Amino acid sequence: MRDLLLTPYWVLGYALMALTAIAFHQGRGRLLRRTSVAVLCLWWLCATPLTASWALGALERSASAEAAACAPPAAHAWFIVLAGGLRAQPRSAQDVGALSGASLRRILAASRLAREVPDSRMLISGGMGRRWKEADLMGTLAQRLGVAQDRIELERRSHDTLQNAREVARMLRGTPARPLYLVTSAYHMPRAWMSFRHSGLQVCALPVDFESIAKVSLEDLVPDAAGLRMMSYALHEYLGIVYYRLVKFR
């Protein structure tokens, strides 16, 4: 606990607490006092693992509900795997260490599924990167994990979730019908699922990479980097869902 209180997030918190105390002590205007309290509360809510996990967990529970409506993957299924970004620009198509944590966790889970399901195929979607794309690196890692190259297709043009859906729909157009299973992080699944359905693909949800806290402890009431990261993911998804519905899907 003592180490947590020395992080940059708490240093910012100390500064906000000090400014709030000064505003009250010096009898500043009511608006300034209320604003300082509101900013302090916002900092606490956004960087506290407990509230961040609650926000992220709502998305993950929605993903789990969609998954429960689907049958387990059967033979000849397509596993559509969405990339989750790069940690750095890759130096070659073999530089799988350049993948972000989300990309790594998604392809690890999808590769295990592909090995277990007979005659299944994998379509990896992600075009971020310069010469070598997310899909290139994830395809390389899938082969290292035991998925045969002739069972892997790459989509290298998309740069966001809706483009993922549209490019995958284009690639699958005219191919023999197979069960489609969408593999992505659980918090990202609601926006991804609605994007693929909007693009005409009847996908089943296969959420992986759950990040919300399963068991709460006292330390989860202390703002830290993990809480801020989870809240960033959650806000990105909630805002993305609203934006897609109001703008992209019209």
Protein backbone atom coordinates (compact mmCIF):
# COMPACT_ATOMS: atom_id res chain seq x y z
CA MET A 1 0.00 0.00 0.00
CA ARG A 2 2.83 2.42 0.89
CA ASP A 3 4.43 1.92 -2.56
CA LEU A 4 1.12 2.61 -4.29
CA LEU A 5 0.81 5.97 -2.52
CA LEU A 6 4.11 7.13 -4.07
CA THR A 7 3.04 6.66 -7.71
CA PRO A 8 2.61 9.63 -10.11
CA TYR A 9 -1.18 9.17 -9.90
CA TRP A 10 -1.07 9.86 -6.18
CA VAL A 11 1.29 12.80 -6.64
CA LEU A 12 -1.37 14.29 -8.93
CA GLY A 13 -3.98 13.43 -6.32
CA TYR A 14 -2.00 15.18 -3.58
CA ALA A 15 -1.81 18.29 -5.78
CA LEU A 16 -5.56 18.25 -6.40
CA MET A 17 -6.27 17.73 -2.69
CA ALA A 18 -3.99 20.66 -1.82
CA LEU A 19 -5.65 22.96 -4.35
CA THR A 20 -9.08 21.96 -3.06
CA ALA A 21 -8.04 22.64 0.54
CA ILE A 22 -6.61 26.04 -0.43
CA ALA A 23 -9.81 26.98 -2.27
CA PHE A 24 -11.89 26.20 0.84
CA HIS A 25 -9.44 27.69 3.32
CA GLN A 26 -9.17 31.01 1.49
CA GLY A 27 -12.90 31.22 0.96
CA ARG A 28 -12.70 31.27 -2.80
CA GLY A 29 -15.86 31.55 -4.86
CA ARG A 30 -18.46 28.80 -4.69
CA LEU A 31 -17.90 27.86 -8.34
CA LEU A 32 -14.15 27.37 -7.80
CA ARG A 33 -14.73 25.24 -4.69
CA ARG A 34 -17.27 23.06 -6.44
CA THR A 35 -15.07 22.73 -9.51
CA SER A 36 -12.04 21.69 -7.44
CA VAL A 37 -14.10 19.04 -5.62
CA ALA A 38 -15.53 17.76 -8.91
CA VAL A 39 -12.06 17.45 -10.47
CA LEU A 40 -10.76 15.62 -7.40
CA CYS A 41 -13.67 13.17 -7.50
CA LEU A 42 -13.21 12.64 -11.24
CA TRP A 43 -9.52 11.84 -10.71
CA TRP A 44 -10.44 9.31 -8.03
CA LEU A 45 -13.13 7.62 -10.11
CA CYS A 46 -11.06 7.41 -13.29
CA ALA A 47 -7.92 5.97 -11.71
CA THR A 48 -9.41 3.69 -9.05
CA PRO A 49 -9.31 -0.03 -10.05
CA LEU A 50 -12.66 -0.70 -8.37
CA THR A 51 -14.66 1.77 -10.46
CA ALA A 52 -12.61 1.11 -13.59
CA SER A 53 -13.20 -2.61 -13.24
CA TRP A 54 -16.93 -2.02 -12.81
CA ALA A 55 -17.03 -0.02 -16.05
CA LEU A 56 -14.97 -2.59 -17.93
CA GLY A 57 -16.85 -5.50 -16.36
CA ALA A 58 -20.16 -4.30 -17.77
CA LEU A 59 -18.74 -4.63 -21.29
CA GLU A 60 -17.29 -8.05 -20.50
CA ARG A 61 -20.60 -9.31 -19.09
CA SER A 62 -22.33 -8.22 -22.28
CA ALA A 63 -19.74 -10.16 -24.29
CA SER A 64 -20.29 -13.25 -22.14
CA ALA A 65 -24.04 -13.04 -22.70
CA GLU A 66 -23.53 -12.97 -26.47
CA ALA A 67 -21.16 -15.95 -26.23
CA ALA A 68 -23.68 -17.95 -24.20
CA ALA A 69 -26.17 -17.72 -27.07
CA CYS A 70 -23.78 -19.58 -29.41
CA ALA A 71 -22.96 -23.25 -29.72
CA PRO A 72 -19.35 -24.32 -29.13
CA PRO A 73 -17.14 -24.12 -32.24
CA ALA A 74 -17.60 -27.10 -34.53
CA ALA A 75 -15.55 -28.52 -37.41
CA HIS A 76 -14.95 -26.24 -40.41
CA ALA A 77 -15.45 -23.05 -38.38
CA TRP A 78 -13.79 -19.75 -39.21
CA PHE A 79 -12.06 -18.01 -36.30
CA ILE A 80 -11.97 -14.28 -37.10
CA VAL A 81 -9.27 -12.77 -34.90
CA LEU A 82 -9.06 -9.00 -34.46
CA ALA A 83 -5.66 -7.43 -33.88
CA GLY A 84 -5.25 -5.24 -30.80
CA GLY A 85 -2.44 -2.94 -31.83
CA LEU A 86 1.34 -2.81 -31.79
CA ARG A 87 3.70 -2.06 -28.92
CA ALA A 88 6.35 -0.82 -31.38
CA GLN A 89 7.01 -0.80 -35.12
CA PRO A 90 8.14 -4.34 -36.07
CA ARG A 91 11.55 -4.85 -37.64
CA SER A 92 10.43 -7.92 -39.59
CA ALA A 93 7.44 -10.21 -40.02
CA GLN A 94 9.04 -12.43 -37.36
CA ASP A 95 9.21 -9.68 -34.74
CA VAL A 96 6.20 -10.87 -32.75
CA GLY A 97 7.47 -9.04 -29.65
CA ALA A 98 6.26 -5.83 -31.30
CA LEU A 99 2.64 -6.91 -30.78
CA SER A 100 0.67 -5.30 -27.99
CA GLY A 101 -0.45 -7.36 -25.03
CA ALA A 102 -4.02 -7.48 -26.35
CA SER A 103 -2.87 -8.78 -29.76
CA LEU A 104 -0.75 -11.45 -28.09
CA ARG A 105 -3.53 -12.65 -25.81
CA ARG A 106 -6.06 -12.77 -28.65
CA ILE A 107 -3.86 -14.81 -30.99
CA LEU A 108 -2.79 -17.17 -28.19
CA ALA A 109 -6.44 -17.96 -27.42
CA ALA A 110 -7.43 -18.23 -31.09
CA SER A 111 -4.51 -20.54 -31.91
CA ARG A 112 -5.52 -22.90 -29.11
CA LEU A 113 -9.08 -22.98 -30.47
CA ALA A 114 -7.88 -23.59 -34.02
CA ARG A 115 -5.74 -26.53 -32.91
CA GLU A 116 -8.67 -28.06 -31.03
CA VAL A 117 -11.34 -27.67 -33.74
CA PRO A 118 -10.85 -29.98 -36.77
CA ASP A 119 -10.62 -28.39 -40.22
CA SER A 120 -11.07 -24.92 -38.80
CA ARG A 121 -9.54 -21.83 -40.41
CA MET A 122 -8.26 -18.57 -39.00
CA LEU A 123 -8.73 -15.10 -40.51
CA ILE A 124 -6.58 -12.48 -38.78
CA SER A 125 -7.65 -8.86 -39.31
CA GLY A 126 -5.43 -5.85 -38.61
CA GLY A 127 -3.59 -3.38 -40.82
CA MET A 128 -1.76 -1.18 -38.33
CA GLY A 129 1.95 -0.88 -39.00
CA ARG A 130 4.18 0.28 -41.82
CA ARG A 131 5.82 -2.46 -43.87
CA TRP A 132 4.77 -5.30 -41.56
CA LYS A 133 1.24 -5.23 -40.25
CA GLU A 134 -0.37 -6.57 -37.09
CA ALA A 135 -1.89 -9.42 -39.09
CA ASP A 136 1.55 -10.45 -40.41
CA LEU A 137 3.00 -10.80 -36.93
CA MET A 138 -0.05 -12.53 -35.51
CA GLY A 139 0.00 -14.97 -38.43
CA THR A 140 3.65 -15.73 -37.74
CA LEU A 141 2.92 -16.38 -34.08
CA ALA A 142 -0.06 -18.60 -34.91
CA GLN A 143 2.20 -20.78 -37.05
CA ARG A 144 4.76 -21.00 -34.23
CA LEU A 145 1.91 -22.14 -32.00
CA GLY A 146 1.09 -25.03 -34.32
CA VAL A 147 -1.52 -23.68 -36.75
CA ALA A 148 -0.65 -24.68 -40.32
CA GLN A 149 0.03 -21.81 -42.73
CA ASP A 150 -2.59 -23.04 -45.22
CA ARG A 151 -5.27 -22.61 -42.51
CA ILE A 152 -4.47 -18.91 -41.97
CA GLU A 153 -5.74 -15.92 -43.98
CA LEU A 154 -4.60 -12.34 -43.36
CA GLU A 155 -6.55 -9.10 -43.75
CA ARG A 156 -3.99 -6.25 -43.82
CA ARG A 157 -5.99 -3.15 -44.82
CA SER A 158 -8.18 -2.23 -41.84
CA HIS A 159 -7.32 0.39 -39.22
CA ASP A 160 -10.36 0.30 -36.93
CA THR A 161 -13.07 -2.09 -35.81
CA LEU A 162 -15.65 -1.19 -38.45
CA GLN A 163 -13.01 -1.51 -41.18
CA ASN A 164 -12.13 -4.93 -39.72
CA ALA A 165 -15.73 -5.98 -40.23
CA ARG A 166 -16.08 -4.58 -43.73
CA GLU A 167 -12.78 -5.99 -44.99
CA VAL A 168 -13.49 -9.43 -43.53
CA ALA A 169 -16.96 -9.38 -45.10
CA ARG A 170 -15.35 -8.54 -48.45
CA MET A 171 -12.84 -11.39 -48.15
CA LEU A 172 -15.48 -13.95 -47.20
CA ARG A 173 -17.92 -12.92 -49.92
CA GLY A 174 -18.49 -15.88 -52.24
CA THR A 175 -16.70 -18.43 -50.05
CA PRO A 176 -18.49 -21.60 -48.84
CA ALA A 177 -20.64 -20.97 -45.77
CA ARG A 178 -18.95 -21.86 -42.49
CA PRO A 179 -19.75 -21.03 -38.84
CA LEU A 180 -18.08 -17.70 -37.98
CA TYR A 181 -16.61 -17.08 -34.53
CA LEU A 182 -15.33 -13.64 -33.62
CA VAL A 183 -12.30 -13.63 -31.29
CA THR A 184 -11.32 -10.43 -29.53
CA SER A 185 -10.86 -9.03 -26.02
CA ALA A 186 -14.02 -9.29 -23.94
CA TYR A 187 -14.26 -5.52 -23.33
CA HIS A 188 -13.95 -4.91 -27.10
CA MET A 189 -16.48 -7.58 -28.09
CA PRO A 190 -19.72 -5.51 -27.87
CA ARG A 191 -18.49 -2.91 -30.38
CA ALA A 192 -16.85 -5.55 -32.58
CA TRP A 193 -19.93 -7.81 -32.58
CA MET A 194 -22.28 -4.96 -33.57
CA SER A 195 -19.84 -3.88 -36.33
CA PHE A 196 -19.72 -7.36 -37.87
CA ARG A 197 -23.50 -7.78 -37.65
CA HIS A 198 -23.93 -4.36 -39.29
CA SER A 199 -21.60 -5.53 -42.10
CA GLY A 200 -23.81 -8.55 -42.77
CA LEU A 201 -21.80 -11.27 -41.02
CA GLN A 202 -23.67 -13.47 -38.56
CA VAL A 203 -20.80 -14.02 -36.16
CA CYS A 204 -20.80 -15.81 -32.83
CA ALA A 205 -18.93 -14.12 -29.99
CA LEU A 206 -15.84 -15.79 -28.52
CA PRO A 207 -14.53 -13.25 -26.00
CA VAL A 208 -11.05 -13.72 -24.54
CA ASP A 209 -8.64 -11.59 -22.50
CA PHE A 210 -10.93 -10.68 -19.58
CA GLU A 211 -9.42 -7.81 -17.56
CA SER A 212 -11.95 -6.79 -14.91
CA ILE A 213 -11.18 -7.65 -11.29
CA ALA A 214 -12.71 -10.92 -10.11
CA LYS A 215 -12.11 -10.41 -6.38
CA VAL A 216 -11.97 -6.93 -4.84
CA SER A 217 -9.35 -6.02 -2.22
CA LEU A 218 -8.60 -2.85 -0.24
CA GLU A 219 -5.84 -1.91 -2.69
CA ASP A 220 -8.46 -1.66 -5.43
CA LEU A 221 -9.70 1.54 -3.74
CA VAL A 222 -6.33 3.21 -4.35
CA PRO A 223 -5.86 5.02 -7.70
CA ASP A 224 -3.05 3.52 -9.79
CA ALA A 225 -1.87 2.91 -13.36
CA ALA A 226 -3.89 -0.28 -13.75
CA GLY A 227 -7.10 1.52 -12.83
CA LEU A 228 -6.41 4.36 -15.24
CA ARG A 229 -5.61 1.88 -18.01
CA MET A 230 -8.84 -0.08 -17.48
CA MET A 231 -10.91 3.10 -17.37
CA SER A 232 -9.26 4.28 -20.59
CA TYR A 233 -10.25 1.02 -22.30
CA ALA A 234 -13.81 1.26 -20.97
CA LEU A 235 -14.33 4.90 -21.98
CA HIS A 236 -12.87 4.22 -25.42
CA GLU A 237 -15.36 1.41 -25.97
CA TYR A 238 -18.41 3.25 -24.61
CA LEU A 239 -17.67 6.34 -26.69
CA GLY A 240 -16.95 4.12 -29.71
CA ILE A 241 -20.29 2.33 -29.39
CA VAL A 242 -22.16 5.65 -29.24
CA TYR A 243 -20.18 7.09 -32.16
CA TYR A 244 -20.73 4.02 -34.32
CA ARG A 245 -24.47 3.98 -33.68
CA LEU A 246 -24.97 7.70 -34.24
CA VAL A 247 -22.52 8.29 -37.08
CA LYS A 248 -20.92 5.24 -38.66
CA PHE A 249 -24.06 3.08 -38.99
CA ARG A 250 -26.15 5.79 -40.66
